Amino acid sequence: MQNSGVYDGLRIECPQCGLYEAIGGRTFGEILGLSAELKRALSCATRQAFDSGQPLQIREAKAAEIASGHAKTRVDDNIDKLLHLIARRLGRPGGTASFNLNSDFTLIDCYTNAEFHHYLQFIADERLAESSFSGNVKATVALTLKGWSRVQPLSRPGGIPGQCFVAMWFTEDLRSIYESGIELAIRDAGFEPLRIDRKEHNNEITDEIMAGIRNCQFMVADFTGQRAGVYYEAGFAMGLGRPVIWCCRKDEIGNLHFDTNHKNHIDWESAKELRERLYKRIRATILEQG
C-alpha cells in the first residue's frame, strides 16, 4: 500500500486483488466496512480489472456497487468466464496456462482456492480442458478443441470477429457502469471491448472512431446522457450493417430521441443489472445467431 500520487489516494496491490486505487478520504474505510462476502467479491472485481489492463479506481460510495457485480455469479457464467480466461492466455490451440491456486482464484468470481479447483476439475471432467495439479498450489490447463469451440464467437459478415465497439458518454459518473457492467459483460461473452478514449493512438480521434466502428463485429451503445456522438456512432454502425445493442439508464428512457426510442433498449438501474442483461443479450443476438 502506498500513496497513489494524487491527494487522498491510495494504491494497493496484492496477489489476490491485483493493483487498484482507493480515491477519497473515506473510500478505504468503506472497503474495510463491507461484509465478508462483498469484500471477496470486490477482490474479484479489482483482480479481473487489473488482469484486463484497466486497474480500478474506487471512489467514495462506489465500493459496494462495484463488488455487487461479482457477487452471486451463476455457475454457468463462471464456467464461461474461466474458459474465456484460459483462451485469452493461450491465444490459439496448443500450449498450457498455469495458475496459482492460492492467489489466482479471483481471476473468476471465486472466493476460495477450493472453489477454483472445483471449476478447473469440472471443465476437465466435461472434456473442455485438460487439467493437472501440483498439490494444492499449481494448476496447469490446456483447452481441448471442444473447449475452443465453446469460447470462440461465431463469425459474422463484416468487421473483425470478436471485436466490440462501445459508444457511450465518457464521464466519471459512468466509469463504474463501464468497468463493472459493460466491459465485464462483453469479456464474459468472449469478446474484446474497444472504448476509443482508452485506446493509445496518434491519429485524429474521429478517424479512430470511424475505423473502430468499421472494424467491429458489433456495437454496444449506451445513451445515458443523450450524447449526440453516441447517436451518430450508432447510426454509422447500422449503416455498415453492424448489429447494435441499445442501452440506457432507466430514468432516461423517456428522453430518447424519437428515431431510436422504439428500439429494444436494456433499461438498467445498476452496473450489476447491466452486466447480467447485456451478457444475455450478446449471447442471444450475437453468439447464437450466424
C-alpha atoms as a PDB file:
ATOM      1  CA  MET A   1       0.000   0.000   0.000  1.00  0.00           C
ATOM      2  CA  GLN A   2       1.339   3.442  -0.937  1.00  0.00           C
ATOM      3  CA  ASN A   3       0.203   6.914  -1.919  1.00  0.00           C
ATOM      4  CA  SER A   4      -1.193   6.856  -5.460  1.00  0.00           C
ATOM      5  CA  GLY A   5       0.319  10.198  -6.414  1.00  0.00           C
ATOM      6  CA  VAL A   6      -2.937  12.133  -6.054  1.00  0.00           C
ATOM      7  CA  TYR A   7      -4.392  13.822  -2.988  1.00  0.00           C
ATOM      8  CA  ASP A   8      -6.153  11.380  -0.591  1.00  0.00           C
ATOM      9  CA  GLY A   9      -5.452   8.434  -2.888  1.00  0.00           C
ATOM     10  CA  LEU A  10      -4.017   5.021  -2.011  1.00  0.00           C
ATOM     11  CA  ARG A  11      -2.534   2.487  -4.438  1.00  0.00           C
ATOM     12  CA  ILE A  12      -2.973  -1.068  -3.163  1.00  0.00           C
ATOM     13  CA  GLU A  13      -1.504  -4.243  -4.643  1.00  0.00           C
ATOM     14  CA  CYS A  14      -1.699  -7.859  -3.520  1.00  0.00           C
ATOM     15  CA  PRO A  15      -1.533 -11.296  -5.214  1.00  0.00           C
ATOM     16  CA  GLN A  16      -5.297 -11.891  -4.921  1.00  0.00           C
ATOM     17  CA  CYS A  17      -6.607  -8.381  -5.616  1.00  0.00           C
ATOM     18  CA  GLY A  18      -4.079  -7.176  -8.162  1.00  0.00           C
ATOM     19  CA  LEU A  19      -3.464  -3.425  -8.321  1.00  0.00           C
ATOM     20  CA  TYR A  20      -6.212  -0.874  -7.639  1.00  0.00           C
ATOM     21  CA  GLU A  21      -6.611   2.621  -6.234  1.00  0.00           C
ATOM     22  CA  ALA A  22      -8.862   3.910  -3.457  1.00  0.00           C
ATOM     23  CA  ILE A  23      -9.594   7.593  -4.093  1.00  0.00           C
ATOM     24  CA  GLY A  24     -11.201   9.783  -1.433  1.00  0.00           C
ATOM     25  CA  GLY A  25     -10.657  10.117   2.287  1.00  0.00           C
ATOM     26  CA  ARG A  26     -13.433   7.694   3.295  1.00  0.00           C
ATOM     27  CA  THR A  27     -13.111   5.138   0.486  1.00  0.00           C
ATOM     28  CA  PHE A  28     -10.659   2.778   2.174  1.00  0.00           C
ATOM     29  CA  GLY A  29     -12.755   2.822   5.330  1.00  0.00           C
ATOM     30  CA  GLU A  30     -15.813   1.951   3.222  1.00  0.00           C
ATOM     31  CA  ILE A  31     -13.930  -1.008   1.745  1.00  0.00           C
ATOM     32  CA  LEU A  32     -12.975  -2.258   5.205  1.00  0.00           C
ATOM     33  CA  GLY A  33     -16.574  -1.874   6.319  1.00  0.00           C
ATOM     34  CA  LEU A  34     -18.015  -4.131   3.595  1.00  0.00           C
ATOM     35  CA  SER A  35     -19.462  -7.516   4.546  1.00  0.00           C
ATOM     36  CA  ALA A  36     -17.159 -10.524   4.207  1.00  0.00           C
ATOM     37  CA  GLU A  37     -18.924 -11.598   1.011  1.00  0.00           C
ATOM     38  CA  LEU A  38     -18.677  -8.181  -0.632  1.00  0.00           C
ATOM     39  CA  LYS A  39     -15.002  -7.922   0.306  1.00  0.00           C
ATOM     40  CA  ARG A  40     -14.377 -11.203  -1.542  1.00  0.00           C
ATOM     41  CA  ALA A  41     -16.446 -10.019  -4.492  1.00  0.00           C
ATOM     42  CA  LEU A  42     -14.548  -6.717  -4.574  1.00  0.00           C
ATOM     43  CA  SER A  43     -11.287  -8.684  -4.606  1.00  0.00           C
ATOM     44  CA  CYS A  44     -12.562 -10.472  -7.725  1.00  0.00           C
ATOM     45  CA  ALA A  45     -13.541  -7.151  -9.328  1.00  0.00           C
ATOM     46  CA  THR A  46     -10.170  -5.495  -8.743  1.00  0.00           C
ATOM     47  CA  ARG A  47      -8.154  -8.543  -9.820  1.00  0.00           C
ATOM     48  CA  GLN A  48     -10.100  -9.028 -13.046  1.00  0.00           C
ATOM     49  CA  ALA A  49      -9.859  -5.334 -13.932  1.00  0.00           C
ATOM     50  CA  PHE A  50      -6.105  -5.405 -13.294  1.00  0.00           C
ATOM     51  CA  ASP A  51      -5.751  -8.577 -15.392  1.00  0.00           C
ATOM     52  CA  SER A  52      -7.558  -6.865 -18.275  1.00  0.00           C
ATOM     53  CA  GLY A  53      -5.101  -3.949 -18.153  1.00  0.00           C
ATOM     54  CA  GLN A  54      -7.570  -1.428 -16.670  1.00  0.00           C
ATOM     55  CA  PRO A  55      -6.889  -1.177 -12.904  1.00  0.00           C
ATOM     56  CA  LEU A  56      -9.896   0.073 -10.950  1.00  0.00           C
ATOM     57  CA  GLN A  57     -10.098   3.432  -9.233  1.00  0.00           C
ATOM     58  CA  ILE A  58     -12.601   3.010  -6.401  1.00  0.00           C
ATOM     59  CA  ARG A  59     -14.141   6.278  -5.269  1.00  0.00           C
ATOM     60  CA  GLU A  60     -16.324   7.138  -2.297  1.00  0.00           C
ATOM     61  CA  ALA A  61     -19.636   5.240  -2.108  1.00  0.00           C
ATOM     62  CA  LYS A  62     -18.720   3.046  -5.097  1.00  0.00           C
ATOM     63  CA  ALA A  63     -17.060   0.036  -3.441  1.00  0.00           C
ATOM     64  CA  ALA A  64     -20.284  -1.849  -2.707  1.00  0.00           C
ATOM     65  CA  GLU A  65     -21.658  -1.144  -6.192  1.00  0.00           C
ATOM     66  CA  ILE A  66     -18.522  -2.472  -7.864  1.00  0.00           C
ATOM     67  CA  ALA A  67     -18.421  -5.530  -5.598  1.00  0.00           C
ATOM     68  CA  SER A  68     -22.083  -6.404  -6.201  1.00  0.00           C
ATOM     69  CA  GLY A  69     -21.348  -7.027  -9.880  1.00  0.00           C
ATOM     70  CA  HIS A  70     -19.196 -10.009  -8.846  1.00  0.00           C
ATOM     71  CA  ALA A  71     -21.365 -11.398  -6.071  1.00  0.00           C
ATOM     72  CA  LYS A  72     -23.596 -14.435  -6.609  1.00  0.00           C
ATOM     73  CA  THR A  73     -22.342 -15.068 -10.151  1.00  0.00           C
ATOM     74  CA  ARG A  74     -24.138 -18.015 -11.749  1.00  0.00           C
ATOM     75  CA  VAL A  75     -22.096 -21.220 -12.039  1.00  0.00           C
ATOM     76  CA  ASP A  76     -22.579 -21.443 -15.811  1.00  0.00           C
ATOM     77  CA  ASP A  77     -21.390 -17.852 -16.224  1.00  0.00           C
ATOM     78  CA  ASN A  78     -18.319 -18.560 -14.101  1.00  0.00           C
ATOM     79  CA  ILE A  79     -17.523 -21.619 -16.227  1.00  0.00           C
ATOM     80  CA  ASP A  80     -17.677 -19.460 -19.352  1.00  0.00           C
ATOM     81  CA  LYS A  81     -15.546 -16.828 -17.648  1.00  0.00           C
ATOM     82  CA  LEU A  82     -12.902 -19.453 -16.825  1.00  0.00           C
ATOM     83  CA  LEU A  83     -12.858 -20.850 -20.366  1.00  0.00           C
ATOM     84  CA  HIS A  84     -12.503 -17.373 -21.862  1.00  0.00           C
ATOM     85  CA  LEU A  85      -9.728 -16.554 -19.381  1.00  0.00           C
ATOM     86  CA  ILE A  86      -7.760 -19.632 -20.438  1.00  0.00           C
ATOM     87  CA  ALA A  87      -8.385 -18.895 -24.113  1.00  0.00           C
ATOM     88  CA  ARG A  88      -7.095 -15.332 -23.752  1.00  0.00           C
ATOM     89  CA  ARG A  89      -3.925 -16.582 -22.090  1.00  0.00           C
ATOM     90  CA  LEU A  90      -3.309 -19.200 -24.761  1.00  0.00           C
ATOM     91  CA  GLY A  91      -4.296 -17.168 -27.819  1.00  0.00           C
ATOM     92  CA  ARG A  92      -4.555 -20.258 -30.017  1.00  0.00           C
ATOM     93  CA  PRO A  93      -4.987 -24.017 -29.540  1.00  0.00           C
ATOM     94  CA  GLY A  94      -1.890 -25.690 -28.156  1.00  0.00           C
ATOM     95  CA  GLY A  95       0.166 -24.858 -25.111  1.00  0.00           C
ATOM     96  CA  THR A  96      -0.831 -24.606 -21.477  1.00  0.00           C
ATOM     97  CA  ALA A  97      -1.793 -21.924 -18.969  1.00  0.00           C
ATOM     98  CA  SER A  98      -0.614 -22.057 -15.354  1.00  0.00           C
ATOM     99  CA  PHE A  99      -2.494 -20.815 -12.299  1.00  0.00           C
ATOM    100  CA  ASN A 100      -1.508 -20.378  -8.673  1.00  0.00           C
ATOM    101  CA  LEU A 101      -4.440 -21.855  -6.771  1.00  0.00           C
ATOM    102  CA  ASN A 102      -3.688 -19.753  -3.690  1.00  0.00           C
ATOM    103  CA  SER A 103      -3.888 -16.372  -5.436  1.00  0.00           C
ATOM    104  CA  ASP A 104      -5.435 -16.740  -8.899  1.00  0.00           C
ATOM    105  CA  PHE A 105      -8.939 -17.847  -7.895  1.00  0.00           C
ATOM    106  CA  THR A 106     -10.084 -14.206  -8.068  1.00  0.00           C
ATOM    107  CA  LEU A 107      -9.464 -14.217 -11.835  1.00  0.00           C
ATOM    108  CA  ILE A 108     -13.015 -15.540 -11.997  1.00  0.00           C
ATOM    109  CA  ASP A 109     -15.704 -14.961  -9.383  1.00  0.00           C
ATOM    110  CA  CYS A 110     -14.429 -17.484  -6.828  1.00  0.00           C
ATOM    111  CA  TYR A 111     -13.996 -16.772  -3.143  1.00  0.00           C
ATOM    112  CA  THR A 112     -11.574 -19.611  -2.271  1.00  0.00           C
ATOM    113  CA  ASN A 113      -8.896 -21.739  -3.917  1.00  0.00           C
ATOM    114  CA  ALA A 114     -11.019 -24.841  -3.263  1.00  0.00           C
ATOM    115  CA  GLU A 115     -13.878 -23.347  -5.282  1.00  0.00           C
ATOM    116  CA  PHE A 116     -11.472 -22.520  -8.127  1.00  0.00           C
ATOM    117  CA  HIS A 117     -10.155 -26.096  -8.021  1.00  0.00           C
ATOM    118  CA  HIS A 118     -13.715 -27.399  -8.462  1.00  0.00           C
ATOM    119  CA  TYR A 119     -14.183 -25.312 -11.610  1.00  0.00           C
ATOM    120  CA  LEU A 120     -10.878 -26.485 -13.079  1.00  0.00           C
ATOM    121  CA  GLN A 121     -11.787 -30.081 -12.333  1.00  0.00           C
ATOM    122  CA  PHE A 122     -15.256 -29.648 -13.851  1.00  0.00           C
ATOM    123  CA  ILE A 123     -14.025 -28.356 -17.224  1.00  0.00           C
ATOM    124  CA  ALA A 124     -11.614 -31.312 -17.300  1.00  0.00           C
ATOM    125  CA  ASP A 125     -14.403 -33.783 -16.477  1.00  0.00           C
ATOM    126  CA  GLU A 126     -16.520 -32.244 -19.269  1.00  0.00           C
ATOM    127  CA  ARG A 127     -13.570 -32.623 -21.664  1.00  0.00           C
ATOM    128  CA  LEU A 128     -13.467 -28.901 -22.263  1.00  0.00           C
ATOM    129  CA  ALA A 129      -9.919 -28.815 -20.945  1.00  0.00           C
ATOM    130  CA  GLU A 130      -7.093 -30.972 -19.688  1.00  0.00           C
ATOM    131  CA  SER A 131      -6.066 -30.022 -16.153  1.00  0.00           C
ATOM    132  CA  SER A 132      -3.239 -31.255 -13.954  1.00  0.00           C
ATOM    133  CA  PHE A 133      -2.490 -30.234 -10.384  1.00  0.00           C
ATOM    134  CA  SER A 134       0.717 -29.952  -8.385  1.00  0.00           C
ATOM    135  CA  GLY A 135      -0.524 -30.429  -4.845  1.00  0.00           C
ATOM    136  CA  ASN A 136      -2.799 -27.614  -3.723  1.00  0.00           C
ATOM    137  CA  VAL A 137      -0.671 -24.859  -5.213  1.00  0.00           C
ATOM    138  CA  LYS A 138      -0.396 -25.022  -9.000  1.00  0.00           C
ATOM    139  CA  ALA A 139      -2.732 -25.977 -11.857  1.00  0.00           C
ATOM    140  CA  THR A 140      -1.745 -26.412 -15.490  1.00  0.00           C
ATOM    141  CA  VAL A 141      -4.575 -26.216 -18.024  1.00  0.00           C
ATOM    142  CA  ALA A 142      -4.972 -26.651 -21.782  1.00  0.00           C
ATOM    143  CA  LEU A 143      -8.236 -26.219 -23.667  1.00  0.00           C
ATOM    144  CA  THR A 144      -9.384 -29.108 -25.832  1.00  0.00           C
ATOM    145  CA  LEU A 145     -10.860 -28.406 -29.257  1.00  0.00           C
ATOM    146  CA  LYS A 146     -14.269 -28.894 -27.649  1.00  0.00           C
ATOM    147  CA  GLY A 147     -13.347 -26.123 -25.217  1.00  0.00           C
ATOM    148  CA  TRP A 148     -12.160 -23.840 -28.004  1.00  0.00           C
ATOM    149  CA  SER A 149     -15.387 -24.372 -29.938  1.00  0.00           C
ATOM    150  CA  ARG A 150     -17.327 -23.181 -26.876  1.00  0.00           C
ATOM    151  CA  VAL A 151     -15.405 -19.966 -26.314  1.00  0.00           C
ATOM    152  CA  GLN A 152     -14.814 -18.723 -29.853  1.00  0.00           C
ATOM    153  CA  PRO A 153     -17.589 -16.426 -31.109  1.00  0.00           C
ATOM    154  CA  LEU A 154     -19.303 -17.237 -34.378  1.00  0.00           C
ATOM    155  CA  SER A 155     -18.082 -15.216 -37.346  1.00  0.00           C
ATOM    156  CA  ARG A 156     -20.405 -12.672 -38.950  1.00  0.00           C
ATOM    157  CA  PRO A 157     -20.017 -10.864 -42.261  1.00  0.00           C
ATOM    158  CA  GLY A 158     -18.078  -7.643 -41.839  1.00  0.00           C
ATOM    159  CA  GLY A 159     -15.802  -6.456 -39.088  1.00  0.00           C
ATOM    160  CA  ILE A 160     -13.187  -8.323 -37.102  1.00  0.00           C
ATOM    161  CA  PRO A 161     -14.707 -11.343 -35.329  1.00  0.00           C
ATOM    162  CA  GLY A 162     -14.570 -10.893 -31.582  1.00  0.00           C
ATOM    163  CA  GLN A 163     -14.298  -7.087 -31.509  1.00  0.00           C
ATOM    164  CA  CYS A 164     -16.989  -4.897 -29.926  1.00  0.00           C
ATOM    165  CA  PHE A 165     -17.041  -1.102 -30.192  1.00  0.00           C
ATOM    166  CA  VAL A 166     -18.509   0.713 -27.166  1.00  0.00           C
ATOM    167  CA  ALA A 167     -20.214   4.076 -27.683  1.00  0.00           C
ATOM    168  CA  MET A 168     -21.160   5.971 -24.518  1.00  0.00           C
ATOM    169  CA  TRP A 169     -20.707   9.200 -22.573  1.00  0.00           C
ATOM    170  CA  PHE A 170     -17.148   9.306 -21.201  1.00  0.00           C
ATOM    171  CA  THR A 171     -17.997  10.863 -17.843  1.00  0.00           C
ATOM    172  CA  GLU A 172     -16.594   9.882 -14.462  1.00  0.00           C
ATOM    173  CA  ASP A 173     -20.171   9.296 -13.265  1.00  0.00           C
ATOM    174  CA  LEU A 174     -20.440   6.327 -15.652  1.00  0.00           C
ATOM    175  CA  ARG A 175     -16.979   4.917 -15.016  1.00  0.00           C
ATOM    176  CA  SER A 176     -18.192   2.078 -12.787  1.00  0.00           C
ATOM    177  CA  ILE A 177     -21.053   1.365 -15.204  1.00  0.00           C
ATOM    178  CA  TYR A 178     -18.487   0.670 -17.906  1.00  0.00           C
ATOM    179  CA  GLU A 179     -15.910  -1.139 -15.772  1.00  0.00           C
ATOM    180  CA  SER A 180     -18.323  -3.246 -13.698  1.00  0.00           C
ATOM    181  CA  GLY A 181     -21.109  -3.559 -16.251  1.00  0.00           C
ATOM    182  CA  ILE A 182     -20.449  -3.117 -19.960  1.00  0.00           C
ATOM    183  CA  GLU A 183     -16.795  -4.174 -20.110  1.00  0.00           C
ATOM    184  CA  LEU A 184     -17.277  -7.281 -17.972  1.00  0.00           C
ATOM    185  CA  ALA A 185     -20.370  -8.410 -19.894  1.00  0.00           C
ATOM    186  CA  ILE A 186     -18.510  -8.131 -23.198  1.00  0.00           C
ATOM    187  CA  ARG A 187     -15.498 -10.033 -21.864  1.00  0.00           C
ATOM    188  CA  ASP A 188     -17.719 -12.643 -20.182  1.00  0.00           C
ATOM    189  CA  ALA A 189     -19.202 -13.372 -23.603  1.00  0.00           C
ATOM    190  CA  GLY A 190     -15.736 -13.827 -25.122  1.00  0.00           C
ATOM    191  CA  PHE A 191     -15.401 -10.517 -26.984  1.00  0.00           C
ATOM    192  CA  GLU A 192     -12.877  -7.690 -26.739  1.00  0.00           C
ATOM    193  CA  PRO A 193     -14.330  -4.238 -25.932  1.00  0.00           C
ATOM    194  CA  LEU A 194     -12.938  -1.110 -27.609  1.00  0.00           C
ATOM    195  CA  ARG A 195     -13.670   2.246 -25.974  1.00  0.00           C
ATOM    196  CA  ILE A 196     -11.945   4.892 -28.029  1.00  0.00           C
ATOM    197  CA  ASP A 197     -10.892   7.100 -25.090  1.00  0.00           C
ATOM    198  CA  ARG A 198      -8.882   4.156 -23.733  1.00  0.00           C
ATOM    199  CA  LYS A 199      -7.036   3.397 -26.967  1.00  0.00           C
ATOM    200  CA  GLU A 200      -3.493   4.721 -27.452  1.00  0.00           C
ATOM    201  CA  HIS A 201      -3.048   6.378 -30.878  1.00  0.00           C
ATOM    202  CA  ASN A 202      -1.508   9.389 -32.655  1.00  0.00           C
ATOM    203  CA  ASN A 203      -4.307   9.957 -35.159  1.00  0.00           C
ATOM    204  CA  GLU A 204      -7.347  12.226 -35.351  1.00  0.00           C
ATOM    205  CA  ILE A 205      -9.937  10.986 -32.868  1.00  0.00           C
ATOM    206  CA  THR A 206     -12.734  10.994 -35.457  1.00  0.00           C
ATOM    207  CA  ASP A 207     -10.653   8.806 -37.785  1.00  0.00           C
ATOM    208  CA  GLU A 208     -10.042   6.347 -34.952  1.00  0.00           C
ATOM    209  CA  ILE A 209     -13.758   6.246 -34.128  1.00  0.00           C
ATOM    210  CA  MET A 210     -14.746   5.522 -37.727  1.00  0.00           C
ATOM    211  CA  ALA A 211     -12.056   2.845 -38.051  1.00  0.00           C
ATOM    212  CA  GLY A 212     -13.115   1.248 -34.771  1.00  0.00           C
ATOM    213  CA  ILE A 213     -16.729   1.020 -35.907  1.00  0.00           C
ATOM    214  CA  ARG A 214     -15.783  -0.329 -39.335  1.00  0.00           C
ATOM    215  CA  ASN A 215     -13.626  -3.000 -37.712  1.00  0.00           C
ATOM    216  CA  CYS A 216     -16.076  -4.087 -35.018  1.00  0.00           C
ATOM    217  CA  GLN A 217     -18.244  -7.188 -35.205  1.00  0.00           C
ATOM    218  CA  PHE A 218     -20.959  -5.387 -33.265  1.00  0.00           C
ATOM    219  CA  MET A 219     -21.531  -2.294 -31.126  1.00  0.00           C
ATOM    220  CA  VAL A 220     -22.810  -1.659 -27.613  1.00  0.00           C
ATOM    221  CA  ALA A 221     -24.294   1.850 -27.430  1.00  0.00           C
ATOM    222  CA  ASP A 222     -25.381   3.399 -24.112  1.00  0.00           C
ATOM    223  CA  PHE A 223     -27.477   6.551 -24.498  1.00  0.00           C
ATOM    224  CA  THR A 224     -27.357   7.710 -20.873  1.00  0.00           C
ATOM    225  CA  GLY A 225     -26.664  11.443 -21.031  1.00  0.00           C
ATOM    226  CA  GLN A 226     -28.187  11.718 -24.523  1.00  0.00           C
ATOM    227  CA  ARG A 227     -24.849  12.473 -26.192  1.00  0.00           C
ATOM    228  CA  ALA A 228     -25.109  13.370 -29.879  1.00  0.00           C
ATOM    229  CA  GLY A 229     -21.922  11.457 -30.648  1.00  0.00           C
ATOM    230  CA  VAL A 230     -23.435   8.196 -29.418  1.00  0.00           C
ATOM    231  CA  TYR A 231     -26.437   8.641 -31.709  1.00  0.00           C
ATOM    232  CA  TYR A 232     -24.130   9.391 -34.640  1.00  0.00           C
ATOM    233  CA  GLU A 233     -21.868   6.397 -33.978  1.00  0.00           C
ATOM    234  CA  ALA A 234     -24.818   4.006 -33.609  1.00  0.00           C
ATOM    235  CA  GLY A 235     -26.275   5.270 -36.890  1.00  0.00           C
ATOM    236  CA  PHE A 236     -22.931   4.835 -38.630  1.00  0.00           C
ATOM    237  CA  ALA A 237     -22.665   1.254 -37.344  1.00  0.00           C
ATOM    238  CA  MET A 238     -26.177   0.471 -38.568  1.00  0.00           C
ATOM    239  CA  GLY A 239     -25.319   1.897 -41.971  1.00  0.00           C
ATOM    240  CA  LEU A 240     -22.407  -0.538 -42.173  1.00  0.00           C
ATOM    241  CA  GLY A 241     -24.657  -3.442 -41.202  1.00  0.00           C
ATOM    242  CA  ARG A 242     -23.121  -3.902 -37.769  1.00  0.00           C
ATOM    243  CA  PRO A 243     -25.511  -5.120 -35.042  1.00  0.00           C
ATOM    244  CA  VAL A 244     -26.111  -2.522 -32.317  1.00  0.00           C
ATOM    245  CA  ILE A 245     -27.129  -3.428 -28.758  1.00  0.00           C
ATOM    246  CA  TRP A 246     -29.037  -0.476 -27.276  1.00  0.00           C
ATOM    247  CA  CYS A 247     -28.738   0.507 -23.583  1.00  0.00           C
ATOM    248  CA  CYS A 248     -29.854   3.427 -21.422  1.00  0.00           C
ATOM    249  CA  ARG A 249     -30.254   4.124 -17.726  1.00  0.00           C
ATOM    250  CA  LYS A 250     -33.892   3.525 -16.825  1.00  0.00           C
ATOM    251  CA  ASP A 251     -34.635   7.054 -15.616  1.00  0.00           C
ATOM    252  CA  GLU A 252     -33.608   8.449 -19.024  1.00  0.00           C
ATOM    253  CA  ILE A 253     -35.608   6.122 -21.277  1.00  0.00           C
ATOM    254  CA  GLY A 254     -38.231   8.838 -21.729  1.00  0.00           C
ATOM    255  CA  ASN A 255     -35.560  11.206 -23.096  1.00  0.00           C
ATOM    256  CA  LEU A 256     -34.528   9.002 -26.009  1.00  0.00           C
ATOM    257  CA  HIS A 257     -34.792  10.559 -29.472  1.00  0.00           C
ATOM    258  CA  PHE A 258     -37.848   9.511 -31.459  1.00  0.00           C
ATOM    259  CA  ASP A 259     -35.639   7.923 -34.155  1.00  0.00           C
ATOM    260  CA  THR A 260     -34.374   5.339 -31.655  1.00  0.00           C
ATOM    261  CA  ASN A 261     -36.883   5.162 -28.791  1.00  0.00           C
ATOM    262  CA  HIS A 262     -38.646   2.236 -30.462  1.00  0.00           C
ATOM    263  CA  LYS A 263     -35.501   0.095 -30.195  1.00  0.00           C
ATOM    264  CA  ASN A 264     -35.323  -2.647 -27.561  1.00  0.00           C
ATOM    265  CA  HIS A 265     -33.080  -0.862 -25.051  1.00  0.00           C
ATOM    266  CA  ILE A 266     -31.616  -2.553 -21.991  1.00  0.00           C
ATOM    267  CA  ASP A 267     -33.040  -0.183 -19.371  1.00  0.00           C
ATOM    268  CA  TRP A 268     -30.617  -0.689 -16.498  1.00  0.00           C
ATOM    269  CA  GLU A 269     -30.519   0.702 -12.963  1.00  0.00           C
ATOM    270  CA  SER A 270     -27.154  -0.647 -11.745  1.00  0.00           C
ATOM    271  CA  ALA A 271     -23.853  -1.947 -13.109  1.00  0.00           C
ATOM    272  CA  LYS A 272     -24.696  -5.439 -11.869  1.00  0.00           C
ATOM    273  CA  GLU A 273     -28.044  -5.495 -13.676  1.00  0.00           C
ATOM    274  CA  LEU A 274     -26.478  -4.111 -16.858  1.00  0.00           C
ATOM    275  CA  ARG A 275     -23.724  -6.722 -16.799  1.00  0.00           C
ATOM    276  CA  GLU A 276     -26.206  -9.594 -16.458  1.00  0.00           C
ATOM    277  CA  ARG A 277     -28.675  -8.353 -19.063  1.00  0.00           C
ATOM    278  CA  LEU A 278     -26.041  -7.252 -21.580  1.00  0.00           C
ATOM    279  CA  TYR A 279     -24.286 -10.619 -21.335  1.00  0.00           C
ATOM    280  CA  LYS A 280     -27.574 -12.402 -22.043  1.00  0.00           C
ATOM    281  CA  ARG A 281     -28.337 -10.057 -24.968  1.00  0.00           C
ATOM    282  CA  ILE A 282     -24.915 -10.680 -26.514  1.00  0.00           C
ATOM    283  CA  ARG A 283     -25.373 -14.421 -26.126  1.00  0.00           C
ATOM    284  CA  ALA A 284     -28.838 -14.342 -27.702  1.00  0.00           C
ATOM    285  CA  THR A 285     -28.258 -11.869 -30.557  1.00  0.00           C
ATOM    286  CA  ILE A 286     -24.563 -12.189 -31.428  1.00  0.00           C
ATOM    287  CA  LEU A 287     -23.207 -15.587 -30.316  1.00  0.00           C
ATOM    288  CA  GLU A 288     -26.237 -17.737 -31.060  1.00  0.00           C
ATOM    289  CA  GLN A 289     -27.057 -16.259 -34.459  1.00  0.00           C
ATOM    290  CA  GLY A 290     -24.983 -16.878 -37.559  1.00  0.00           C
END
